[in-house]
Every structure is written in C-alpha cells, then in structure tokens.
C-alpha cells in the first residue's frame, strides 16, 4: 500500500474585511463536518497577511474521499456561506516533492 495521499488546495479570494469571518466559518466547518469524514488526513488554513486571501490545504486518502466530501449534504450547506465571504477555486493533485527541515 502506498503512503501517497491526495492533496486538495482551495485558494479563496476574500471580500474586503471578511477574512476573520471566513476563517471562523472554515474552522466551524472543519470541526463539524471535515473531521468527521472518512479519508480526511489533515487540514490547514493559511491566511494572507494582507487579509485578501485564505488557502485551505487538505490531504485525503483517496480521490473517492474528496468526491464524497464534496457531495456530503453538510458540506454542500457550507458552500453558499463561503461564497458570501469569498470566491473559491480548487485544485486536486498529489505531492511530487517535499522537503522538511
């Protein structure tokens, strides 16, 4: 069995003055939905210092786990709330190089 995981990157362009509200919403979503889903390995929220963006970095066990997350009704309920605060993009891939010190 491979240790490879699926990486999901979601860059969000935040509406002016809404970064704190978006981060609070994303934390709530992670606590109540994401962490309960099968196949989720890790989630990180990365906030831009200028308040203009947030990146959601998450690792999943399989592509099917990502698709199950996206189709989960609890997750779907968050998408309109997120859209009120930011525009969302998404990219799925796998790590091809990593350096840790």
N, C-alpha and C. Protein backbone atom coordinates (compact mmCIF):
# COMPACT_ATOMS: atom_id res chain seq x y z
N UNK A 1 0.84 -1.18 0.00
CA UNK A 1 0.00 0.00 0.00
C UNK A 1 0.88 1.24 0.00
N UNK A 2 0.51 2.23 -0.78
CA UNK A 2 1.27 3.46 -0.91
C UNK A 2 0.92 4.46 0.18
N UNK A 3 1.92 5.27 0.56
CA UNK A 3 1.68 6.34 1.53
C UNK A 3 1.20 7.62 0.83
N UNK A 4 1.10 7.57 -0.51
CA UNK A 4 0.69 8.75 -1.25
C UNK A 4 -0.71 9.17 -0.84
N UNK A 5 -0.90 10.47 -0.77
CA UNK A 5 -2.22 10.99 -0.45
C UNK A 5 -2.64 11.98 -1.54
N UNK A 6 -3.90 12.29 -1.54
CA UNK A 6 -4.45 13.26 -2.46
C UNK A 6 -4.41 14.62 -1.76
N UNK A 7 -3.89 15.61 -2.46
CA UNK A 7 -3.80 16.96 -1.90
C UNK A 7 -4.86 17.82 -2.57
N UNK A 8 -5.62 18.52 -1.74
CA UNK A 8 -6.65 19.43 -2.22
C UNK A 8 -6.25 20.84 -1.78
N UNK A 9 -6.12 21.73 -2.75
CA UNK A 9 -5.75 23.12 -2.49
C UNK A 9 -6.93 23.99 -2.91
N UNK A 10 -7.42 24.79 -1.98
CA UNK A 10 -8.53 25.70 -2.26
C UNK A 10 -8.11 27.13 -1.93
N UNK A 11 -7.68 27.91 -2.94
CA UNK A 11 -7.39 29.31 -2.68
C UNK A 11 -8.69 30.12 -2.71
N UNK A 12 -8.89 30.93 -1.70
CA UNK A 12 -10.08 31.77 -1.62
C UNK A 12 -9.67 33.23 -1.66
N UNK A 13 -10.29 33.99 -2.53
CA UNK A 13 -10.07 35.44 -2.58
C UNK A 13 -11.16 36.05 -1.72
N UNK A 14 -10.75 36.68 -0.62
CA UNK A 14 -11.68 37.15 0.40
C UNK A 14 -12.21 38.54 0.06
N UNK A 15 -13.52 38.72 0.27
CA UNK A 15 -14.11 40.04 0.11
C UNK A 15 -13.53 40.96 1.19
N UNK A 16 -13.36 42.24 0.88
CA UNK A 16 -12.73 43.17 1.83
C UNK A 16 -13.37 43.12 3.22
N UNK A 17 -12.50 42.99 4.23
CA UNK A 17 -12.94 43.00 5.62
C UNK A 17 -13.59 41.71 6.10
N UNK A 18 -13.55 40.65 5.30
CA UNK A 18 -14.27 39.42 5.64
C UNK A 18 -13.36 38.24 6.02
N UNK A 19 -12.05 38.46 6.09
CA UNK A 19 -11.14 37.34 6.34
C UNK A 19 -11.41 36.67 7.69
N UNK A 20 -11.58 37.43 8.74
CA UNK A 20 -11.82 36.84 10.07
C UNK A 20 -13.10 36.02 10.08
N UNK A 21 -14.15 36.54 9.46
CA UNK A 21 -15.43 35.81 9.40
C UNK A 21 -15.27 34.52 8.60
N UNK A 22 -14.52 34.59 7.51
CA UNK A 22 -14.29 33.40 6.69
C UNK A 22 -13.52 32.35 7.47
N UNK A 23 -12.46 32.76 8.15
CA UNK A 23 -11.68 31.80 8.94
C UNK A 23 -12.54 31.16 10.02
N UNK A 24 -13.36 31.93 10.68
CA UNK A 24 -14.26 31.36 11.70
C UNK A 24 -15.21 30.34 11.09
N UNK A 25 -15.75 30.65 9.91
CA UNK A 25 -16.66 29.73 9.23
C UNK A 25 -15.93 28.45 8.82
N UNK A 26 -14.72 28.59 8.29
CA UNK A 26 -13.94 27.42 7.86
C UNK A 26 -13.54 26.55 9.05
N UNK A 27 -13.20 27.17 10.17
CA UNK A 27 -12.89 26.40 11.38
C UNK A 27 -14.12 25.63 11.85
N UNK A 28 -15.27 26.28 11.83
CA UNK A 28 -16.51 25.62 12.23
C UNK A 28 -16.80 24.43 11.31
N UNK A 29 -16.63 24.64 10.00
CA UNK A 29 -16.85 23.58 9.02
C UNK A 29 -15.89 22.42 9.26
N UNK A 30 -14.64 22.73 9.57
CA UNK A 30 -13.66 21.68 9.83
C UNK A 30 -14.04 20.89 11.08
N UNK A 31 -14.45 21.59 12.13
CA UNK A 31 -14.81 20.93 13.38
C UNK A 31 -16.07 20.08 13.27
N UNK A 32 -17.06 20.56 12.51
CA UNK A 32 -18.35 19.87 12.49
C UNK A 32 -18.56 18.93 11.32
N UNK A 33 -17.80 19.14 10.23
CA UNK A 33 -18.00 18.30 9.04
C UNK A 33 -16.72 17.58 8.63
N UNK A 34 -15.70 18.33 8.26
CA UNK A 34 -14.50 17.75 7.67
C UNK A 34 -13.89 16.65 8.54
N UNK A 35 -13.71 16.94 9.82
CA UNK A 35 -13.04 15.95 10.68
C UNK A 35 -13.87 14.68 10.88
N UNK A 36 -15.15 14.70 10.53
CA UNK A 36 -15.99 13.51 10.67
C UNK A 36 -15.98 12.63 9.42
N UNK A 37 -15.41 13.13 8.34
CA UNK A 37 -15.47 12.41 7.07
C UNK A 37 -14.36 11.37 6.95
N UNK A 38 -14.73 10.23 6.42
CA UNK A 38 -13.76 9.16 6.17
C UNK A 38 -12.76 9.62 5.12
N UNK A 39 -11.50 9.38 5.38
CA UNK A 39 -10.46 9.66 4.40
C UNK A 39 -9.76 10.99 4.56
N UNK A 40 -10.21 11.82 5.48
CA UNK A 40 -9.54 13.10 5.72
C UNK A 40 -8.32 12.85 6.60
N UNK A 41 -7.15 13.30 6.12
CA UNK A 41 -5.92 13.11 6.89
C UNK A 41 -5.49 14.37 7.63
N UNK A 42 -5.58 15.52 6.98
CA UNK A 42 -5.18 16.78 7.61
C UNK A 42 -5.81 17.95 6.88
N UNK A 43 -6.01 19.04 7.61
CA UNK A 43 -6.49 20.29 7.02
C UNK A 43 -5.73 21.44 7.65
N UNK A 44 -5.31 22.39 6.82
CA UNK A 44 -4.64 23.60 7.28
C UNK A 44 -5.31 24.80 6.64
N UNK A 45 -5.47 25.86 7.40
CA UNK A 45 -5.93 27.13 6.88
C UNK A 45 -4.76 28.09 6.90
N UNK A 46 -4.49 28.71 5.78
CA UNK A 46 -3.37 29.64 5.65
C UNK A 46 -3.94 31.01 5.29
N UNK A 47 -3.75 31.98 6.18
CA UNK A 47 -4.31 33.32 5.98
C UNK A 47 -3.26 34.27 5.43
N UNK A 48 -3.65 35.02 4.41
CA UNK A 48 -2.77 36.06 3.86
C UNK A 48 -2.64 37.19 4.87
N UNK A 49 -1.44 37.69 5.03
CA UNK A 49 -1.19 38.79 5.98
C UNK A 49 -1.97 40.05 5.62
N UNK A 50 -2.25 40.24 4.32
CA UNK A 50 -2.96 41.46 3.90
C UNK A 50 -4.48 41.34 4.00
N UNK A 51 -4.98 40.19 4.46
CA UNK A 51 -6.41 40.00 4.64
C UNK A 51 -7.18 39.69 3.37
N UNK A 52 -6.46 39.52 2.26
CA UNK A 52 -7.13 39.34 0.97
C UNK A 52 -7.35 37.89 0.57
N UNK A 53 -6.84 36.95 1.36
CA UNK A 53 -7.00 35.56 0.94
C UNK A 53 -6.80 34.56 2.05
N UNK A 54 -7.33 33.39 1.80
CA UNK A 54 -7.14 32.23 2.66
C UNK A 54 -6.95 31.04 1.74
N UNK A 55 -6.03 30.16 2.10
CA UNK A 55 -5.84 28.92 1.36
C UNK A 55 -6.19 27.77 2.29
N UNK A 56 -7.02 26.87 1.79
CA UNK A 56 -7.32 25.64 2.52
C UNK A 56 -6.44 24.56 1.89
N UNK A 57 -5.58 23.97 2.70
CA UNK A 57 -4.71 22.88 2.27
C UNK A 57 -5.20 21.63 3.02
N UNK A 58 -5.57 20.60 2.28
CA UNK A 58 -6.00 19.38 2.95
C UNK A 58 -5.45 18.16 2.23
N UNK A 59 -5.26 17.11 3.00
CA UNK A 59 -4.79 15.84 2.46
C UNK A 59 -5.86 14.79 2.73
N UNK A 60 -6.08 13.95 1.71
CA UNK A 60 -7.11 12.92 1.74
C UNK A 60 -6.51 11.59 1.32
N UNK A 61 -7.11 10.52 1.78
CA UNK A 61 -6.58 9.18 1.48
C UNK A 61 -6.75 8.80 0.01
N UNK A 62 -7.87 9.17 -0.60
CA UNK A 62 -8.16 8.76 -1.98
C UNK A 62 -8.95 9.84 -2.71
N UNK A 63 -8.96 9.78 -4.05
CA UNK A 63 -9.84 10.70 -4.79
C UNK A 63 -11.31 10.50 -4.43
N UNK A 64 -11.70 9.27 -4.14
CA UNK A 64 -13.09 9.00 -3.76
C UNK A 64 -13.46 9.72 -2.46
N UNK A 65 -12.52 9.84 -1.54
CA UNK A 65 -12.78 10.55 -0.29
C UNK A 65 -13.03 12.03 -0.56
N UNK A 66 -12.31 12.61 -1.51
CA UNK A 66 -12.52 14.02 -1.87
C UNK A 66 -13.92 14.18 -2.48
N UNK A 67 -14.28 13.29 -3.39
CA UNK A 67 -15.60 13.37 -4.01
C UNK A 67 -16.71 13.16 -3.00
N UNK A 68 -16.51 12.26 -2.04
CA UNK A 68 -17.52 12.03 -1.00
C UNK A 68 -17.68 13.29 -0.15
N UNK A 69 -16.58 13.97 0.15
CA UNK A 69 -16.65 15.22 0.92
C UNK A 69 -17.44 16.26 0.14
N UNK A 70 -17.15 16.41 -1.13
CA UNK A 70 -17.81 17.42 -1.94
C UNK A 70 -19.32 17.17 -2.09
N UNK A 71 -19.72 15.91 -2.04
CA UNK A 71 -21.14 15.59 -2.21
C UNK A 71 -21.88 15.42 -0.89
N UNK A 72 -21.17 15.50 0.23
CA UNK A 72 -21.82 15.39 1.53
C UNK A 72 -22.79 16.56 1.72
N UNK A 73 -24.04 16.29 2.10
CA UNK A 73 -25.03 17.37 2.25
C UNK A 73 -24.62 18.43 3.28
N UNK A 74 -23.91 18.03 4.31
CA UNK A 74 -23.45 19.01 5.31
C UNK A 74 -22.42 19.94 4.70
N UNK A 75 -21.57 19.39 3.85
CA UNK A 75 -20.55 20.21 3.19
C UNK A 75 -21.22 21.15 2.18
N UNK A 76 -22.16 20.61 1.42
CA UNK A 76 -22.86 21.42 0.42
C UNK A 76 -23.55 22.61 1.07
N UNK A 77 -24.01 22.45 2.31
CA UNK A 77 -24.67 23.54 3.02
C UNK A 77 -23.71 24.69 3.32
N UNK A 78 -22.41 24.42 3.38
CA UNK A 78 -21.42 25.46 3.66
C UNK A 78 -21.04 26.27 2.41
N UNK A 79 -21.16 25.69 1.24
CA UNK A 79 -20.70 26.37 0.03
C UNK A 79 -21.34 27.75 -0.16
N UNK A 80 -22.67 27.92 0.00
CA UNK A 80 -23.24 29.27 -0.15
C UNK A 80 -22.73 30.25 0.91
N UNK A 81 -22.50 29.77 2.13
CA UNK A 81 -22.00 30.62 3.19
C UNK A 81 -20.58 31.10 2.87
N UNK A 82 -19.77 30.19 2.34
CA UNK A 82 -18.40 30.54 1.95
C UNK A 82 -18.44 31.56 0.81
N UNK A 83 -19.34 31.33 -0.16
CA UNK A 83 -19.44 32.23 -1.32
C UNK A 83 -19.85 33.65 -0.94
N UNK A 84 -20.53 33.82 0.18
CA UNK A 84 -20.89 35.15 0.65
C UNK A 84 -19.65 35.94 1.11
N UNK A 85 -18.59 35.22 1.47
CA UNK A 85 -17.39 35.85 2.02
C UNK A 85 -16.19 35.85 1.08
N UNK A 86 -16.20 34.94 0.10
CA UNK A 86 -15.02 34.80 -0.75
C UNK A 86 -15.35 34.03 -2.03
N UNK A 87 -14.50 34.20 -3.03
CA UNK A 87 -14.59 33.37 -4.22
C UNK A 87 -13.68 32.16 -4.00
N UNK A 88 -14.09 31.02 -4.51
CA UNK A 88 -13.41 29.75 -4.22
C UNK A 88 -12.93 29.11 -5.51
N UNK A 89 -11.70 28.61 -5.48
CA UNK A 89 -11.13 27.83 -6.56
C UNK A 89 -10.67 26.51 -5.95
N UNK A 90 -10.39 25.53 -6.77
CA UNK A 90 -9.99 24.24 -6.24
C UNK A 90 -9.06 23.52 -7.20
N UNK A 91 -8.08 22.83 -6.63
CA UNK A 91 -7.14 22.04 -7.41
C UNK A 91 -6.82 20.77 -6.64
N UNK A 92 -6.89 19.63 -7.33
CA UNK A 92 -6.60 18.34 -6.72
C UNK A 92 -5.35 17.77 -7.37
N UNK A 93 -4.44 17.25 -6.56
CA UNK A 93 -3.22 16.67 -7.08
C UNK A 93 -2.58 15.75 -6.07
N UNK A 94 -1.33 15.46 -6.29
CA UNK A 94 -0.58 14.66 -5.33
C UNK A 94 0.80 15.28 -5.18
N UNK A 95 1.37 15.09 -4.01
CA UNK A 95 2.69 15.66 -3.74
C UNK A 95 3.73 14.93 -4.59
N UNK A 96 4.58 15.69 -5.24
CA UNK A 96 5.66 15.11 -6.04
C UNK A 96 7.02 15.38 -5.44
N UNK A 97 7.07 16.30 -4.45
CA UNK A 97 8.32 16.59 -3.75
C UNK A 97 7.99 17.26 -2.44
N UNK A 98 8.76 16.93 -1.42
CA UNK A 98 8.58 17.54 -0.11
C UNK A 98 9.92 17.62 0.58
N UNK A 99 10.20 18.76 1.19
CA UNK A 99 11.44 18.95 1.95
C UNK A 99 11.05 19.44 3.34
N UNK A 100 11.52 18.78 4.33
CA UNK A 100 11.25 19.18 5.72
C UNK A 100 12.56 19.31 6.46
N UNK A 101 12.71 20.36 7.22
CA UNK A 101 13.93 20.55 8.00
C UNK A 101 13.61 20.56 9.46
